[in-house]
Every structure is written in structure tokens, then in C-alpha cells.
Amino acid sequence: MELKIRKNTDIYIIDVNGEMDLYNSYKLKELVMKMLEKGVKKFIINLEQVDYIDSSGIGALIYICSTIKKMKYKLSISNIHGSVKKVIELTKLMGYFPISNSVEEALLMVKE
């Protein structure tokens, strides 16, 4: 799994590339925690290049989402598709995660 960060005004977009599984999902969690320590308040996690996620990947997203919600900061998860979308639907988390169809839509959600 590879993580790339880009910035749009005060919103940080994390592009995730590869599989989110037991061996690497902690990397995303660690990255977001470091960014929170540095005062970042608006996040988009772009899963466009993620074709596989397991329970530890879902766990990392739940942890990130709940931490950001507690801090009253903004988060959107964009571009979920295929088997990743199926896993999120099966775990009944579609309503829990703030999901957007594209990074553009996520930018509008997080700006508010």
C-alpha cells in the first residue's frame, strides 16, 4: 500500500494505492494521527486505487473516522468501488462513514 498526500487549500487528500490489509492498514492510521498532531482538521481519504480491503483495513477506517468525529473535524472517504464497496456494505458501515463519489464531491462536503 502506498500513501500520497496532496493539499487543496486547507484540505488534505490522502490517496491510497494498493491493498488495505493486516500488513499495512496501520500506516494510514499512523499518518492521519501524525497529521492531527500537526493541526490538520480536514481530510479526504481517496480509495480510488484500492481494490482490496480486509477487516483490519475497515478497522483502521473506523478508528480514523471516530477520532476525527470526536475532535469535530471533517472527513470524507471518496471513490469506494468494487469489492471495497461490497465489504463496507456488508459490514453495514455505509451510513457510518462520510462517503462521497469523487474527490470533487468530497471537497465540497469537507469545506462546509
C-alpha atoms as a PDB file:
ATOM      1  CA  MET A   1       0.000   0.000   0.000  1.00  0.00           C
ATOM      2  CA  GLU A   2       1.284   3.418  -0.943  1.00  0.00           C
ATOM      3  CA  LEU A   3       0.060   6.699   0.553  1.00  0.00           C
ATOM      4  CA  LYS A   4       0.364  10.076  -1.162  1.00  0.00           C
ATOM      5  CA  ILE A   5      -0.710  13.369   0.344  1.00  0.00           C
ATOM      6  CA  ARG A   6      -1.841  16.376  -1.645  1.00  0.00           C
ATOM      7  CA  LYS A   7      -3.394  19.598  -0.461  1.00  0.00           C
ATOM      8  CA  ASN A   8      -6.326  21.692  -1.681  1.00  0.00           C
ATOM      9  CA  THR A   9      -6.486  24.927   0.368  1.00  0.00           C
ATOM     10  CA  ASP A  10      -6.699  23.655   3.988  1.00  0.00           C
ATOM     11  CA  ILE A  11      -7.984  20.200   2.985  1.00  0.00           C
ATOM     12  CA  TYR A  12      -5.551  17.275   2.861  1.00  0.00           C
ATOM     13  CA  ILE A  13      -6.253  14.497   0.379  1.00  0.00           C
ATOM     14  CA  ILE A  14      -4.683  11.123   1.131  1.00  0.00           C
ATOM     15  CA  ASP A  15      -4.513   8.960  -1.990  1.00  0.00           C
ATOM     16  CA  VAL A  16      -4.346   5.294  -1.006  1.00  0.00           C
ATOM     17  CA  ASN A  17      -2.917   2.923  -3.609  1.00  0.00           C
ATOM     18  CA  GLY A  18      -2.891  -0.868  -3.238  1.00  0.00           C
ATOM     19  CA  GLU A  19      -4.427  -3.270  -0.745  1.00  0.00           C
ATOM     20  CA  MET A  20      -5.573  -2.191   2.719  1.00  0.00           C
ATOM     21  CA  ASP A  21      -4.931  -5.259   4.830  1.00  0.00           C
ATOM     22  CA  LEU A  22      -3.489  -6.613   8.053  1.00  0.00           C
ATOM     23  CA  TYR A  23       0.061  -5.905   6.908  1.00  0.00           C
ATOM     24  CA  ASN A  24      -0.283  -2.228   6.074  1.00  0.00           C
ATOM     25  CA  SER A  25      -3.549  -0.601   7.189  1.00  0.00           C
ATOM     26  CA  TYR A  26      -1.773   0.709  10.318  1.00  0.00           C
ATOM     27  CA  LYS A  27       0.241   3.020   8.016  1.00  0.00           C
ATOM     28  CA  LEU A  28      -2.867   5.020   7.138  1.00  0.00           C
ATOM     29  CA  LYS A  29      -3.855   5.240  10.811  1.00  0.00           C
ATOM     30  CA  GLU A  30      -0.369   6.433  11.807  1.00  0.00           C
ATOM     31  CA  LEU A  31      -0.298   9.010   9.009  1.00  0.00           C
ATOM     32  CA  VAL A  32      -3.676  10.500   9.994  1.00  0.00           C
ATOM     33  CA  MET A  33      -2.691  10.606  13.698  1.00  0.00           C
ATOM     34  CA  LYS A  34       0.538  12.467  12.820  1.00  0.00           C
ATOM     35  CA  MET A  35      -1.433  14.919  10.679  1.00  0.00           C
ATOM     36  CA  LEU A  36      -3.919  15.503  13.535  1.00  0.00           C
ATOM     37  CA  GLU A  37      -0.987  16.234  15.877  1.00  0.00           C
ATOM     38  CA  LYS A  38       0.195  18.851  13.377  1.00  0.00           C
ATOM     39  CA  GLY A  39      -3.222  20.544  13.439  1.00  0.00           C
ATOM     40  CA  VAL A  40      -4.787  19.267  10.214  1.00  0.00           C
ATOM     41  CA  LYS A  41      -8.593  19.462  10.519  1.00  0.00           C
ATOM     42  CA  LYS A  42      -9.961  18.483   7.093  1.00  0.00           C
ATOM     43  CA  PHE A  43      -9.288  15.130   5.443  1.00  0.00           C
ATOM     44  CA  ILE A  44     -10.278  13.232   2.334  1.00  0.00           C
ATOM     45  CA  ILE A  45      -9.255   9.591   2.062  1.00  0.00           C
ATOM     46  CA  ASN A  46      -9.327   8.675  -1.621  1.00  0.00           C
ATOM     47  CA  LEU A  47      -9.764   4.919  -2.131  1.00  0.00           C
ATOM     48  CA  GLU A  48      -9.926   5.054  -5.942  1.00  0.00           C
ATOM     49  CA  GLN A  49      -6.802   2.852  -6.293  1.00  0.00           C
ATOM     50  CA  VAL A  50      -7.812   0.358  -3.580  1.00  0.00           C
ATOM     51  CA  ASP A  51      -9.206  -2.936  -4.885  1.00  0.00           C
ATOM     52  CA  TYR A  52      -8.996  -4.976  -1.676  1.00  0.00           C
ATOM     53  CA  ILE A  53      -9.728  -4.278   1.969  1.00  0.00           C
ATOM     54  CA  ASP A  54      -9.903  -6.694   4.907  1.00  0.00           C
ATOM     55  CA  SER A  55     -11.186  -6.327   8.460  1.00  0.00           C
ATOM     56  CA  SER A  56      -8.047  -4.555   9.653  1.00  0.00           C
ATOM     57  CA  GLY A  57      -8.442  -2.020   6.822  1.00  0.00           C
ATOM     58  CA  ILE A  58     -12.059  -1.473   7.873  1.00  0.00           C
ATOM     59  CA  GLY A  59     -10.873  -1.204  11.493  1.00  0.00           C
ATOM     60  CA  ALA A  60      -8.357   1.480  10.536  1.00  0.00           C
ATOM     61  CA  LEU A  61     -11.076   3.477   8.730  1.00  0.00           C
ATOM     62  CA  ILE A  62     -13.434   3.151  11.735  1.00  0.00           C
ATOM     63  CA  TYR A  63     -10.671   4.319  14.103  1.00  0.00           C
ATOM     64  CA  ILE A  64      -9.792   7.297  11.864  1.00  0.00           C
ATOM     65  CA  CYS A  65     -13.449   8.220  11.390  1.00  0.00           C
ATOM     66  CA  SER A  66     -14.347   8.031  15.091  1.00  0.00           C
ATOM     67  CA  THR A  67     -11.228  10.004  16.118  1.00  0.00           C
ATOM     68  CA  ILE A  68     -11.950  12.783  13.615  1.00  0.00           C
ATOM     69  CA  LYS A  69     -15.663  12.872  14.595  1.00  0.00           C
ATOM     70  CA  LYS A  70     -14.752  13.169  18.309  1.00  0.00           C
ATOM     71  CA  MET A  71     -12.497  16.115  17.515  1.00  0.00           C
ATOM     72  CA  LYS A  72     -15.317  17.696  15.455  1.00  0.00           C
ATOM     73  CA  TYR A  73     -13.071  17.833  12.386  1.00  0.00           C
ATOM     74  CA  LYS A  74     -14.053  16.968   8.808  1.00  0.00           C
ATOM     75  CA  LEU A  75     -13.552  13.730   6.879  1.00  0.00           C
ATOM     76  CA  SER A  76     -14.810  12.247   3.665  1.00  0.00           C
ATOM     77  CA  ILE A  77     -13.959   8.888   2.134  1.00  0.00           C
ATOM     78  CA  SER A  78     -14.157   9.036  -1.645  1.00  0.00           C
ATOM     79  CA  ASN A  79     -14.194   6.715  -4.643  1.00  0.00           C
ATOM     80  CA  ILE A  80     -15.078   3.418  -2.972  1.00  0.00           C
ATOM     81  CA  HIS A  81     -15.906   0.778  -5.563  1.00  0.00           C
ATOM     82  CA  GLY A  82     -15.935  -2.926  -6.345  1.00  0.00           C
ATOM     83  CA  SER A  83     -15.063  -5.354  -3.545  1.00  0.00           C
ATOM     84  CA  VAL A  84     -14.184  -2.497  -1.151  1.00  0.00           C
ATOM     85  CA  LYS A  85     -17.707  -1.119  -1.528  1.00  0.00           C
ATOM     86  CA  LYS A  86     -19.166  -4.615  -1.024  1.00  0.00           C
ATOM     87  CA  VAL A  87     -17.216  -5.081   2.230  1.00  0.00           C
ATOM     88  CA  ILE A  88     -18.366  -1.689   3.547  1.00  0.00           C
ATOM     89  CA  GLU A  89     -21.970  -2.515   2.583  1.00  0.00           C
ATOM     90  CA  LEU A  90     -21.794  -5.986   4.187  1.00  0.00           C
ATOM     91  CA  THR A  91     -20.434  -4.517   7.420  1.00  0.00           C
ATOM     92  CA  LYS A  92     -23.330  -2.009   7.391  1.00  0.00           C
ATOM     93  CA  LEU A  93     -20.918   0.933   7.538  1.00  0.00           C
ATOM     94  CA  MET A  94     -22.212   2.883   4.529  1.00  0.00           C
ATOM     95  CA  GLY A  95     -24.162   5.133   6.904  1.00  0.00           C
ATOM     96  CA  TYR A  96     -21.311   5.448   9.393  1.00  0.00           C
ATOM     97  CA  PHE A  97     -18.614   6.650   7.012  1.00  0.00           C
ATOM     98  CA  PRO A  98     -18.984  10.049   5.343  1.00  0.00           C
ATOM     99  CA  ILE A  99     -18.755   8.757   1.771  1.00  0.00           C
ATOM    100  CA  SER A 100     -18.552  10.742  -1.461  1.00  0.00           C
ATOM    101  CA  ASN A 101     -18.443   9.535  -5.056  1.00  0.00           C
ATOM    102  CA  SER A 102     -15.463  11.647  -6.107  1.00  0.00           C
ATOM    103  CA  VAL A 103     -12.709  13.832  -4.680  1.00  0.00           C
ATOM    104  CA  GLU A 104     -14.526  16.882  -6.103  1.00  0.00           C
ATOM    105  CA  GLU A 105     -17.721  15.945  -4.215  1.00  0.00           C
ATOM    106  CA  ALA A 106     -15.636  15.260  -1.082  1.00  0.00           C
ATOM    107  CA  LEU A 107     -14.028  18.717  -1.310  1.00  0.00           C
ATOM    108  CA  LEU A 108     -17.497  20.299  -1.232  1.00  0.00           C
ATOM    109  CA  MET A 109     -18.526  18.100   1.743  1.00  0.00           C
ATOM    110  CA  VAL A 110     -15.425  18.876   3.783  1.00  0.00           C
ATOM    111  CA  LYS A 111     -15.371  22.635   3.028  1.00  0.00           C
ATOM    112  CA  GLU A 112     -18.617  23.283   4.908  1.00  0.00           C
END
